[in-house]
Every structure is written in C-alpha cells, then in structure tokens.
Amino acid sequence: MRIALFITCFNDTMFPRTGRAVTTLLERLGHTVEFPTGQTCCGQLHFNTGYRPETLPMVRRFAETFAGYDAVVAPSGSCVGMVRDHHRVVAAQYGDAALAEAVEQVVATVYELSELLVDVIGVTDVGAHFPHRVTYHPTCHSLRMLRVGDRPLRLLRAVKGIDLVELPDAESCCGFGGTFALKNSGVSNAMLADKMRHVQNTGAEFLCAGDNSCLTHIGGGLSRLRKGVGTMHLAEILAATEGDVR
C-alpha cells in the first residue's frame, strides 16, 4: 500500500520519534510510507475553541494534500477524530459542493494507527519485541469518537516479551482535553491524580497510549512524583524489535 503519514502538529513539534516509529513499522510490514510536505494543522484547536470558519483553509489544505493515497495514517486518535467527524461539518457549512466531495473521498482513507493495522492491513502480530511491564490508557478521542475498542490491546498482546497489565478505571479521562486543562486546571489536576494513582498501582515500567498529548499530561505528572514510570506511544512499542535498548 501507498500510505501517507499525517504526523499532526503535536508530534511534529515535540515527538518526531513517534512519526519515525510509524514509518519503521509500516515499512517493516512491506508498505510504502510517504510524508506529504504540504500538510499543516488539521484545525482541531480552532474548531474546538469556536473559530469554525477559520478552520476552512486547513480543511481544504488537508483534502488537497492527502488526496490519492491508498490510506492516510496518523498516530493520534484526537486528530483523526477531528478529520473524520468535523472536516465534513466545516466543508458543508462554510465550503462548497466541490470541497465537500473532496473531503468525503479523503476522509474515507484516514485511519488511526491501530485501525490501519488491524482493520486494513489485517495484522495484530507486527513482529515487535518489548520485554517490559506495560499498561495501556485508552485516550478519549480514540475510545469515544473513533471507537477503536480493543485494537490497541490486541496489538500489544502480540508483542513478544511484554508484560501487559490492565489499567484500573482505564476508560476514565486523564484530564488533559486540550484547552480544558488550561481553562479548568483544578478539575484537570484532580482527574490526573486519579489516573496517576491507577498507573502506579499496576507496577508498570511504561504507560502506553495512542496520543502523545495525553501521554505528555500524564507523564508530566508522573515525572514530578519521581516514581520512574515512563511513557511511550503505541507506535514506538510496536516498532521495537529484539536488540533495541530502552
């Protein structure tokens, strides 16, 4: 397959290793990965904070940039949720018929990483090796908007050497929510405290998730506690092979 990597702003700026992991993983599985250099923000921040008309140029750019690929993959349930659920809304309300059609064609090819691997490529064992105790946090957008279900867990269970332990109250939000953490910091910190307590109770060496935004929020809190619990994106664990040093 000819697959386009939609890296997202957050990963491009702060976690380039995640994009490299996605590329390594998909190329190992025999696929061609391309990085369209014309890509920009998906517009989620603008859309969610009320600047919906201002999102239109980003929706148009996305439809133009990612047209023609067999699949578009992003290591972010949050941004994939924006593209799949809200680009249609913006195109219909502020665009035209041509844009709405272009958006429909592209949106049909856009996948979060675990969706692409399990549903499209048809694989759960990707040849990964990660001999560590890991617990998994299902992020809100992947869980509630995309409904990825147990796809990430099925991929993790097939990783050789992993000790995968269940996270108590896993489906509870970590308290990040983008600008929610800024506008409602007290509530956000209380939610974070609950999540960190559950993570620590697992005895995990690493907390895994499919969104680096949530991992940044939880990981920042864990680092302040100095408990030695690391965070790692799903793509990075799946890209790891025997001989890698962590």
C-alpha atoms as a PDB file:
ATOM      1  CA  MET A   1       0.000   0.000   0.000  1.00  0.00           C
ATOM      2  CA  ARG A   2       0.991   3.602  -0.589  1.00  0.00           C
ATOM      3  CA  ILE A   3       0.382   5.238   2.773  1.00  0.00           C
ATOM      4  CA  ALA A   4       0.624   8.925   3.675  1.00  0.00           C
ATOM      5  CA  LEU A   5       1.808   9.833   7.160  1.00  0.00           C
ATOM      6  CA  PHE A   6      -0.215  12.625   8.743  1.00  0.00           C
ATOM      7  CA  ILE A   7       2.128  13.437  11.592  1.00  0.00           C
ATOM      8  CA  THR A   8      -0.024  16.088  13.390  1.00  0.00           C
ATOM      9  CA  CYS A   9       1.279  19.345  14.875  1.00  0.00           C
ATOM     10  CA  PHE A  10       1.940  17.967  18.352  1.00  0.00           C
ATOM     11  CA  ASN A  11       4.021  15.045  17.153  1.00  0.00           C
ATOM     12  CA  ASP A  12       5.873  17.066  14.534  1.00  0.00           C
ATOM     13  CA  THR A  13       6.869  19.684  17.108  1.00  0.00           C
ATOM     14  CA  MET A  14       7.523  17.602  20.208  1.00  0.00           C
ATOM     15  CA  PHE A  15       7.619  13.881  19.378  1.00  0.00           C
ATOM     16  CA  PRO A  16       9.254  13.285  15.986  1.00  0.00           C
ATOM     17  CA  ARG A  17      10.332   9.830  17.158  1.00  0.00           C
ATOM     18  CA  THR A  18       6.694   8.736  17.005  1.00  0.00           C
ATOM     19  CA  GLY A  19       6.478   9.531  13.300  1.00  0.00           C
ATOM     20  CA  ARG A  20       9.724   7.683  12.699  1.00  0.00           C
ATOM     21  CA  ALA A  21       8.321   4.696  14.593  1.00  0.00           C
ATOM     22  CA  VAL A  22       5.183   4.644  12.422  1.00  0.00           C
ATOM     23  CA  THR A  23       7.345   4.733   9.292  1.00  0.00           C
ATOM     24  CA  THR A  24       9.669   1.989  10.565  1.00  0.00           C
ATOM     25  CA  LEU A  25       6.741  -0.209  11.496  1.00  0.00           C
ATOM     26  CA  LEU A  26       4.813   0.141   8.227  1.00  0.00           C
ATOM     27  CA  GLU A  27       7.902  -0.256   6.055  1.00  0.00           C
ATOM     28  CA  ARG A  28       8.792  -3.409   8.006  1.00  0.00           C
ATOM     29  CA  LEU A  29       5.365  -4.722   7.062  1.00  0.00           C
ATOM     30  CA  GLY A  30       6.112  -4.084   3.385  1.00  0.00           C
ATOM     31  CA  HIS A  31       4.300  -0.812   2.740  1.00  0.00           C
ATOM     32  CA  THR A  32       5.453   2.461   1.187  1.00  0.00           C
ATOM     33  CA  VAL A  33       5.207   5.449   3.517  1.00  0.00           C
ATOM     34  CA  GLU A  34       5.282   8.998   2.195  1.00  0.00           C
ATOM     35  CA  PHE A  35       5.323  12.284   4.070  1.00  0.00           C
ATOM     36  CA  PRO A  36       3.399  14.974   2.152  1.00  0.00           C
ATOM     37  CA  THR A  37       5.281  18.169   2.922  1.00  0.00           C
ATOM     38  CA  GLY A  38       2.257  20.358   2.238  1.00  0.00           C
ATOM     39  CA  GLN A  39       0.451  19.158   5.341  1.00  0.00           C
ATOM     40  CA  THR A  40      -0.455  21.597   8.105  1.00  0.00           C
ATOM     41  CA  CYS A  41      -2.692  21.593  11.182  1.00  0.00           C
ATOM     42  CA  CYS A  42      -5.998  19.711  10.921  1.00  0.00           C
ATOM     43  CA  GLY A  43      -7.740  22.640  12.604  1.00  0.00           C
ATOM     44  CA  GLN A  44      -8.847  20.872  15.768  1.00  0.00           C
ATOM     45  CA  LEU A  45      -7.759  23.673  18.094  1.00  0.00           C
ATOM     46  CA  HIS A  46      -9.618  26.260  16.039  1.00  0.00           C
ATOM     47  CA  PHE A  47     -12.754  24.144  15.688  1.00  0.00           C
ATOM     48  CA  ASN A  48     -12.973  23.211  19.364  1.00  0.00           C
ATOM     49  CA  THR A  49     -12.489  26.783  20.589  1.00  0.00           C
ATOM     50  CA  GLY A  50     -15.206  28.252  18.398  1.00  0.00           C
ATOM     51  CA  TYR A  51     -13.237  29.506  15.388  1.00  0.00           C
ATOM     52  CA  ARG A  52     -15.033  27.250  12.955  1.00  0.00           C
ATOM     53  CA  PRO A  53     -14.997  29.454   9.825  1.00  0.00           C
ATOM     54  CA  GLU A  54     -11.239  29.916  10.322  1.00  0.00           C
ATOM     55  CA  THR A  55     -10.846  26.139  10.119  1.00  0.00           C
ATOM     56  CA  LEU A  56     -11.922  26.084   6.458  1.00  0.00           C
ATOM     57  CA  PRO A  57      -8.477  26.747   4.891  1.00  0.00           C
ATOM     58  CA  MET A  58      -6.988  23.879   6.898  1.00  0.00           C
ATOM     59  CA  VAL A  59      -9.768  21.527   5.855  1.00  0.00           C
ATOM     60  CA  ARG A  60      -9.219  22.493   2.225  1.00  0.00           C
ATOM     61  CA  ARG A  61      -5.441  22.046   2.535  1.00  0.00           C
ATOM     62  CA  PHE A  62      -5.871  18.615   4.119  1.00  0.00           C
ATOM     63  CA  ALA A  63      -8.191  17.408   1.345  1.00  0.00           C
ATOM     64  CA  GLU A  64      -5.777  18.617  -1.333  1.00  0.00           C
ATOM     65  CA  THR A  65      -2.614  17.330   0.343  1.00  0.00           C
ATOM     66  CA  PHE A  66      -3.795  13.824   1.160  1.00  0.00           C
ATOM     67  CA  ALA A  67      -5.794  13.055  -1.970  1.00  0.00           C
ATOM     68  CA  GLY A  68      -4.857   9.966  -3.969  1.00  0.00           C
ATOM     69  CA  TYR A  69      -3.280   7.748  -1.313  1.00  0.00           C
ATOM     70  CA  ASP A  70      -4.379   4.213  -0.529  1.00  0.00           C
ATOM     71  CA  ALA A  71      -4.510   5.205   3.124  1.00  0.00           C
ATOM     72  CA  VAL A  72      -3.655   8.102   5.420  1.00  0.00           C
ATOM     73  CA  VAL A  73      -2.443   7.217   8.911  1.00  0.00           C
ATOM     74  CA  ALA A  74      -1.919   9.358  11.985  1.00  0.00           C
ATOM     75  CA  PRO A  75      -0.518   8.390  15.402  1.00  0.00           C
ATOM     76  CA  SER A  76      -3.277  10.372  17.064  1.00  0.00           C
ATOM     77  CA  GLY A  77      -6.869   9.408  17.726  1.00  0.00           C
ATOM     78  CA  SER A  78      -7.554  13.036  18.546  1.00  0.00           C
ATOM     79  CA  CYS A  79      -6.572  14.424  15.149  1.00  0.00           C
ATOM     80  CA  VAL A  80      -8.090  11.520  13.219  1.00  0.00           C
ATOM     81  CA  GLY A  81     -11.316  12.163  15.106  1.00  0.00           C
ATOM     82  CA  MET A  82     -11.196  15.806  14.008  1.00  0.00           C
ATOM     83  CA  VAL A  83     -10.679  14.879  10.359  1.00  0.00           C
ATOM     84  CA  ARG A  84     -13.278  12.135  10.224  1.00  0.00           C
ATOM     85  CA  ASP A  85     -16.009  13.785  12.292  1.00  0.00           C
ATOM     86  CA  HIS A  86     -15.574  17.516  11.829  1.00  0.00           C
ATOM     87  CA  HIS A  87     -13.989  18.173   8.427  1.00  0.00           C
ATOM     88  CA  ARG A  88     -17.312  17.192   6.881  1.00  0.00           C
ATOM     89  CA  VAL A  89     -19.082  19.707   9.109  1.00  0.00           C
ATOM     90  CA  VAL A  90     -16.767  22.554   8.143  1.00  0.00           C
ATOM     91  CA  ALA A  91     -16.929  21.721   4.434  1.00  0.00           C
ATOM     92  CA  ALA A  92     -20.720  21.578   4.499  1.00  0.00           C
ATOM     93  CA  GLN A  93     -21.222  24.783   6.498  1.00  0.00           C
ATOM     94  CA  TYR A  94     -18.503  27.034   5.133  1.00  0.00           C
ATOM     95  CA  GLY A  95     -17.248  25.407   1.921  1.00  0.00           C
ATOM     96  CA  ASP A  96     -18.865  24.365  -1.324  1.00  0.00           C
ATOM     97  CA  ALA A  97     -20.031  21.182  -3.041  1.00  0.00           C
ATOM     98  CA  ALA A  98     -16.633  20.516  -4.601  1.00  0.00           C
ATOM     99  CA  LEU A  99     -14.870  20.729  -1.246  1.00  0.00           C
ATOM    100  CA  ALA A 100     -17.495  18.572   0.435  1.00  0.00           C
ATOM    101  CA  GLU A 101     -16.926  15.869  -2.187  1.00  0.00           C
ATOM    102  CA  ALA A 102     -13.139  16.104  -1.859  1.00  0.00           C
ATOM    103  CA  VAL A 103     -13.403  15.816   1.916  1.00  0.00           C
ATOM    104  CA  GLU A 104     -15.624  12.744   1.652  1.00  0.00           C
ATOM    105  CA  GLN A 105     -13.132  10.993  -0.612  1.00  0.00           C
ATOM    106  CA  VAL A 106     -10.143  11.703   1.628  1.00  0.00           C
ATOM    107  CA  VAL A 107     -11.887  11.055   4.941  1.00  0.00           C
ATOM    108  CA  ALA A 108     -12.709   7.531   3.811  1.00  0.00           C
ATOM    109  CA  THR A 109      -8.972   6.759   3.703  1.00  0.00           C
ATOM    110  CA  VAL A 110      -7.940   8.260   7.069  1.00  0.00           C
ATOM    111  CA  TYR A 111      -7.098   5.895   9.930  1.00  0.00           C
ATOM    112  CA  GLU A 112      -5.680   5.928  13.415  1.00  0.00           C
ATOM    113  CA  LEU A 113      -2.663   3.580  13.578  1.00  0.00           C
ATOM    114  CA  SER A 114      -4.335   0.619  15.315  1.00  0.00           C
ATOM    115  CA  GLU A 115      -7.290   0.808  12.909  1.00  0.00           C
ATOM    116  CA  LEU A 116      -4.980   0.706   9.909  1.00  0.00           C
ATOM    117  CA  LEU A 117      -3.002  -2.246  11.239  1.00  0.00           C
ATOM    118  CA  VAL A 118      -5.910  -4.399  12.396  1.00  0.00           C
ATOM    119  CA  ASP A 119      -8.724  -3.495  10.001  1.00  0.00           C
ATOM    120  CA  VAL A 120      -6.955  -2.561   6.769  1.00  0.00           C
ATOM    121  CA  ILE A 121      -3.621  -4.394   6.779  1.00  0.00           C
ATOM    122  CA  GLY A 122      -5.122  -7.259   8.768  1.00  0.00           C
ATOM    123  CA  VAL A 123      -2.332  -7.875  11.261  1.00  0.00           C
ATOM    124  CA  THR A 124      -2.006  -7.982  15.035  1.00  0.00           C
ATOM    125  CA  ASP A 125       1.457  -9.523  15.382  1.00  0.00           C
ATOM    126  CA  VAL A 126       3.760  -6.908  13.844  1.00  0.00           C
ATOM    127  CA  GLY A 127       6.993  -8.602  14.886  1.00  0.00           C
ATOM    128  CA  ALA A 128       7.600  -6.359  17.883  1.00  0.00           C
ATOM    129  CA  HIS A 129       9.676  -7.234  20.950  1.00  0.00           C
ATOM    130  CA  PHE A 130       9.406  -5.189  24.147  1.00  0.00           C
ATOM    131  CA  PRO A 131      10.402  -7.008  27.371  1.00  0.00           C
ATOM    132  CA  HIS A 132       8.877  -4.584  29.859  1.00  0.00           C
ATOM    133  CA  ARG A 133       5.845  -4.267  32.114  1.00  0.00           C
ATOM    134  CA  VAL A 134       3.351  -2.035  30.289  1.00  0.00           C
ATOM    135  CA  THR A 135      -0.122  -0.693  30.966  1.00  0.00           C
ATOM    136  CA  TYR A 136      -2.379   0.908  28.364  1.00  0.00           C
ATOM    137  CA  HIS A 137      -4.501   4.074  28.636  1.00  0.00           C
ATOM    138  CA  PRO A 138      -7.272   4.385  26.010  1.00  0.00           C
ATOM    139  CA  THR A 139      -7.492   8.069  25.104  1.00  0.00           C
ATOM    140  CA  CYS A 140     -10.902   9.715  24.982  1.00  0.00           C
ATOM    141  CA  HIS A 141     -10.999  10.503  21.267  1.00  0.00           C
ATOM    142  CA  SER A 142      -9.873   7.037  20.243  1.00  0.00           C
ATOM    143  CA  LEU A 143     -12.275   5.434  22.689  1.00  0.00           C
ATOM    144  CA  ARG A 144     -15.367   7.590  22.224  1.00  0.00           C
ATOM    145  CA  MET A 145     -15.079   9.186  18.777  1.00  0.00           C
ATOM    146  CA  LEU A 146     -13.241   6.514  16.780  1.00  0.00           C
ATOM    147  CA  ARG A 147     -14.361   3.543  18.879  1.00  0.00           C
ATOM    148  CA  VAL A 148     -11.102   1.687  18.316  1.00  0.00           C
ATOM    149  CA  GLY A 149     -12.125  -0.730  21.056  1.00  0.00           C
ATOM    150  CA  ASP A 150      -9.549  -3.382  21.872  1.00  0.00           C
ATOM    151  CA  ARG A 151      -7.489  -2.987  18.691  1.00  0.00           C
ATOM    152  CA  PRO A 152      -4.501  -1.416  20.504  1.00  0.00           C
ATOM    153  CA  LEU A 153      -4.651  -4.107  23.180  1.00  0.00           C
ATOM    154  CA  ARG A 154      -4.744  -6.871  20.566  1.00  0.00           C
ATOM    155  CA  LEU A 155      -1.594  -5.413  19.034  1.00  0.00           C
ATOM    156  CA  LEU A 156       0.115  -5.102  22.404  1.00  0.00           C
ATOM    157  CA  ARG A 157      -0.778  -8.640  23.466  1.00  0.00           C
ATOM    158  CA  ALA A 158       1.057  -9.960  20.421  1.00  0.00           C
ATOM    159  CA  VAL A 159       4.297  -8.156  21.324  1.00  0.00           C
ATOM    160  CA  LYS A 160       6.972 -10.648  22.338  1.00  0.00           C
ATOM    161  CA  GLY A 161       8.322 -10.344  25.863  1.00  0.00           C
ATOM    162  CA  ILE A 162       5.778  -7.787  27.024  1.00  0.00           C
ATOM    163  CA  ASP A 163       4.121  -7.999  30.434  1.00  0.00           C
ATOM    164  CA  LEU A 164       0.842  -6.237  29.711  1.00  0.00           C
ATOM    165  CA  VAL A 165      -1.164  -5.372  32.811  1.00  0.00           C
ATOM    166  CA  GLU A 166      -4.669  -3.948  32.985  1.00  0.00           C
ATOM    167  CA  LEU A 167      -5.043  -0.302  33.998  1.00  0.00           C
ATOM    168  CA  PRO A 168      -7.768   0.150  36.648  1.00  0.00           C
ATOM    169  CA  ASP A 169     -10.580   2.512  35.614  1.00  0.00           C
ATOM    170  CA  ALA A 170      -8.855   2.725  32.243  1.00  0.00           C
ATOM    171  CA  GLU A 171     -11.699   4.436  30.401  1.00  0.00           C
ATOM    172  CA  SER A 172     -11.683   7.496  32.657  1.00  0.00           C
ATOM    173  CA  CYS A 173     -10.275  10.664  31.112  1.00  0.00           C
ATOM    174  CA  CYS A 174      -6.780  11.715  32.175  1.00  0.00           C
ATOM    175  CA  GLY A 175      -7.881  15.363  32.461  1.00  0.00           C
ATOM    176  CA  PHE A 176      -5.978  16.804  29.516  1.00  0.00           C
ATOM    177  CA  GLY A 177      -8.600  17.631  26.899  1.00  0.00           C
ATOM    178  CA  GLY A 178      -6.518  20.299  25.152  1.00  0.00           C
ATOM    179  CA  THR A 179      -7.598  23.734  26.393  1.00  0.00           C
ATOM    180  CA  PHE A 180      -9.711  22.035  29.088  1.00  0.00           C
ATOM    181  CA  ALA A 181      -6.546  21.559  31.145  1.00  0.00           C
ATOM    182  CA  LEU A 182      -5.916  25.302  30.976  1.00  0.00           C
ATOM    183  CA  LYS A 183      -9.456  26.562  31.491  1.00  0.00           C
ATOM    184  CA  ASN A 184     -10.326  24.031  34.203  1.00  0.00           C
ATOM    185  CA  SER A 185      -6.976  23.341  35.787  1.00  0.00           C
ATOM    186  CA  GLY A 186      -8.346  22.340  39.173  1.00  0.00           C
ATOM    187  CA  VAL A 187     -10.636  19.666  37.744  1.00  0.00           C
ATOM    188  CA  SER A 188      -7.930  18.590  35.303  1.00  0.00           C
ATOM    189  CA  ASN A 189      -5.390  18.085  38.090  1.00  0.00           C
ATOM    190  CA  ALA A 190      -7.869  16.062  40.149  1.00  0.00           C
ATOM    191  CA  MET A 191      -8.528  13.774  37.175  1.00  0.00           C
ATOM    192  CA  LEU A 192      -4.792  13.487  36.570  1.00  0.00           C
ATOM    193  CA  ALA A 193      -4.178  12.498  40.191  1.00  0.00           C
ATOM    194  CA  ASP A 194      -6.660   9.639  39.870  1.00  0.00           C
ATOM    195  CA  LYS A 195      -5.082   8.454  36.627  1.00  0.00           C
ATOM    196  CA  MET A 196      -1.547   8.564  38.049  1.00  0.00           C
ATOM    197  CA  ARG A 197      -2.618   6.581  41.111  1.00  0.00           C
ATOM    198  CA  HIS A 198      -4.069   3.861  38.913  1.00  0.00           C
ATOM    199  CA  VAL A 199      -0.942   3.770  36.736  1.00  0.00           C
ATOM    200  CA  GLN A 200       1.324   3.434  39.764  1.00  0.00           C
ATOM    201  CA  ASN A 201      -0.824   0.657  41.206  1.00  0.00           C
ATOM    202  CA  THR A 202      -0.108  -1.502  38.154  1.00  0.00           C
ATOM    203  CA  GLY A 203       3.625  -1.514  38.841  1.00  0.00           C
ATOM    204  CA  ALA A 204       4.209  -0.776  35.149  1.00  0.00           C
ATOM    205  CA  GLU A 205       7.512   0.468  33.821  1.00  0.00           C
ATOM    206  CA  PHE A 206       5.764   2.194  30.920  1.00  0.00           C
ATOM    207  CA  LEU A 207       2.381   3.741  30.291  1.00  0.00           C
ATOM    208  CA  CYS A 208       1.312   3.346  26.664  1.00  0.00           C
ATOM    209  CA  ALA A 209      -1.323   5.301  24.730  1.00  0.00           C
ATOM    210  CA  GLY A 210      -2.158   6.255  21.162  1.00  0.00           C
ATOM    211  CA  ASP A 211      -1.965  10.029  21.726  1.00  0.00           C
ATOM    212  CA  ASN A 212       1.156  11.865  22.841  1.00  0.00           C
ATOM    213  CA  SER A 213      -0.960  14.743  24.131  1.00  0.00           C
ATOM    214  CA  CYS A 214      -2.399  12.538  26.877  1.00  0.00           C
ATOM    215  CA  LEU A 215       0.973  10.933  27.498  1.00  0.00           C
ATOM    216  CA  THR A 216       2.512  14.391  27.965  1.00  0.00           C
ATOM    217  CA  HIS A 217      -0.130  15.299  30.526  1.00  0.00           C
ATOM    218  CA  ILE A 218       0.137  12.055  32.484  1.00  0.00           C
ATOM    219  CA  GLY A 219       3.882  11.747  32.005  1.00  0.00           C
ATOM    220  CA  GLY A 220       4.447  15.267  33.302  1.00  0.00           C
ATOM    221  CA  GLY A 221       2.602  14.406  36.474  1.00  0.00           C
ATOM    222  CA  LEU A 222       4.423  11.109  36.900  1.00  0.00           C
ATOM    223  CA  SER A 223       7.806  12.759  36.389  1.00  0.00           C
ATOM    224  CA  ARG A 224       7.069  15.173  39.234  1.00  0.00           C
ATOM    225  CA  LEU A 225       6.368  12.203  41.504  1.00  0.00           C
ATOM    226  CA  ARG A 226       9.741  10.674  40.560  1.00  0.00           C
ATOM    227  CA  LYS A 227       8.322   7.152  40.510  1.00  0.00           C
ATOM    228  CA  GLY A 228      10.332   6.020  37.490  1.00  0.00           C
ATOM    229  CA  VAL A 229       7.314   5.306  35.261  1.00  0.00           C
ATOM    230  CA  GLY A 230       7.974   6.166  31.620  1.00  0.00           C
ATOM    231  CA  THR A 231       5.527   6.914  28.837  1.00  0.00           C
ATOM    232  CA  MET A 232       5.641   5.538  25.303  1.00  0.00           C
ATOM    233  CA  HIS A 233       3.422   5.877  22.277  1.00  0.00           C
ATOM    234  CA  LEU A 234       1.867   2.696  20.915  1.00  0.00           C
ATOM    235  CA  ALA A 235       3.775   3.138  17.651  1.00  0.00           C
ATOM    236  CA  GLU A 236       7.121   3.120  19.441  1.00  0.00           C
ATOM    237  CA  ILE A 237       6.406  -0.144  21.235  1.00  0.00           C
ATOM    238  CA  LEU A 238       5.170  -1.768  18.032  1.00  0.00           C
ATOM    239  CA  ALA A 239       8.265  -0.565  16.162  1.00  0.00           C
ATOM    240  CA  ALA A 240      10.633  -2.002  18.783  1.00  0.00           C
ATOM    241  CA  THR A 241      12.452  -5.213  17.933  1.00  0.00           C
ATOM    242  CA  GLU A 242      14.762  -7.584  19.761  1.00  0.00           C
ATOM    243  CA  GLY A 243      18.086  -5.907  20.411  1.00  0.00           C
ATOM    244  CA  ASP A 244      16.646  -2.436  20.945  1.00  0.00           C
ATOM    245  CA  VAL A 245      17.873  -0.873  24.172  1.00  0.00           C
ATOM    246  CA  ARG A 246      15.374   1.049  26.346  1.00  0.00           C
END
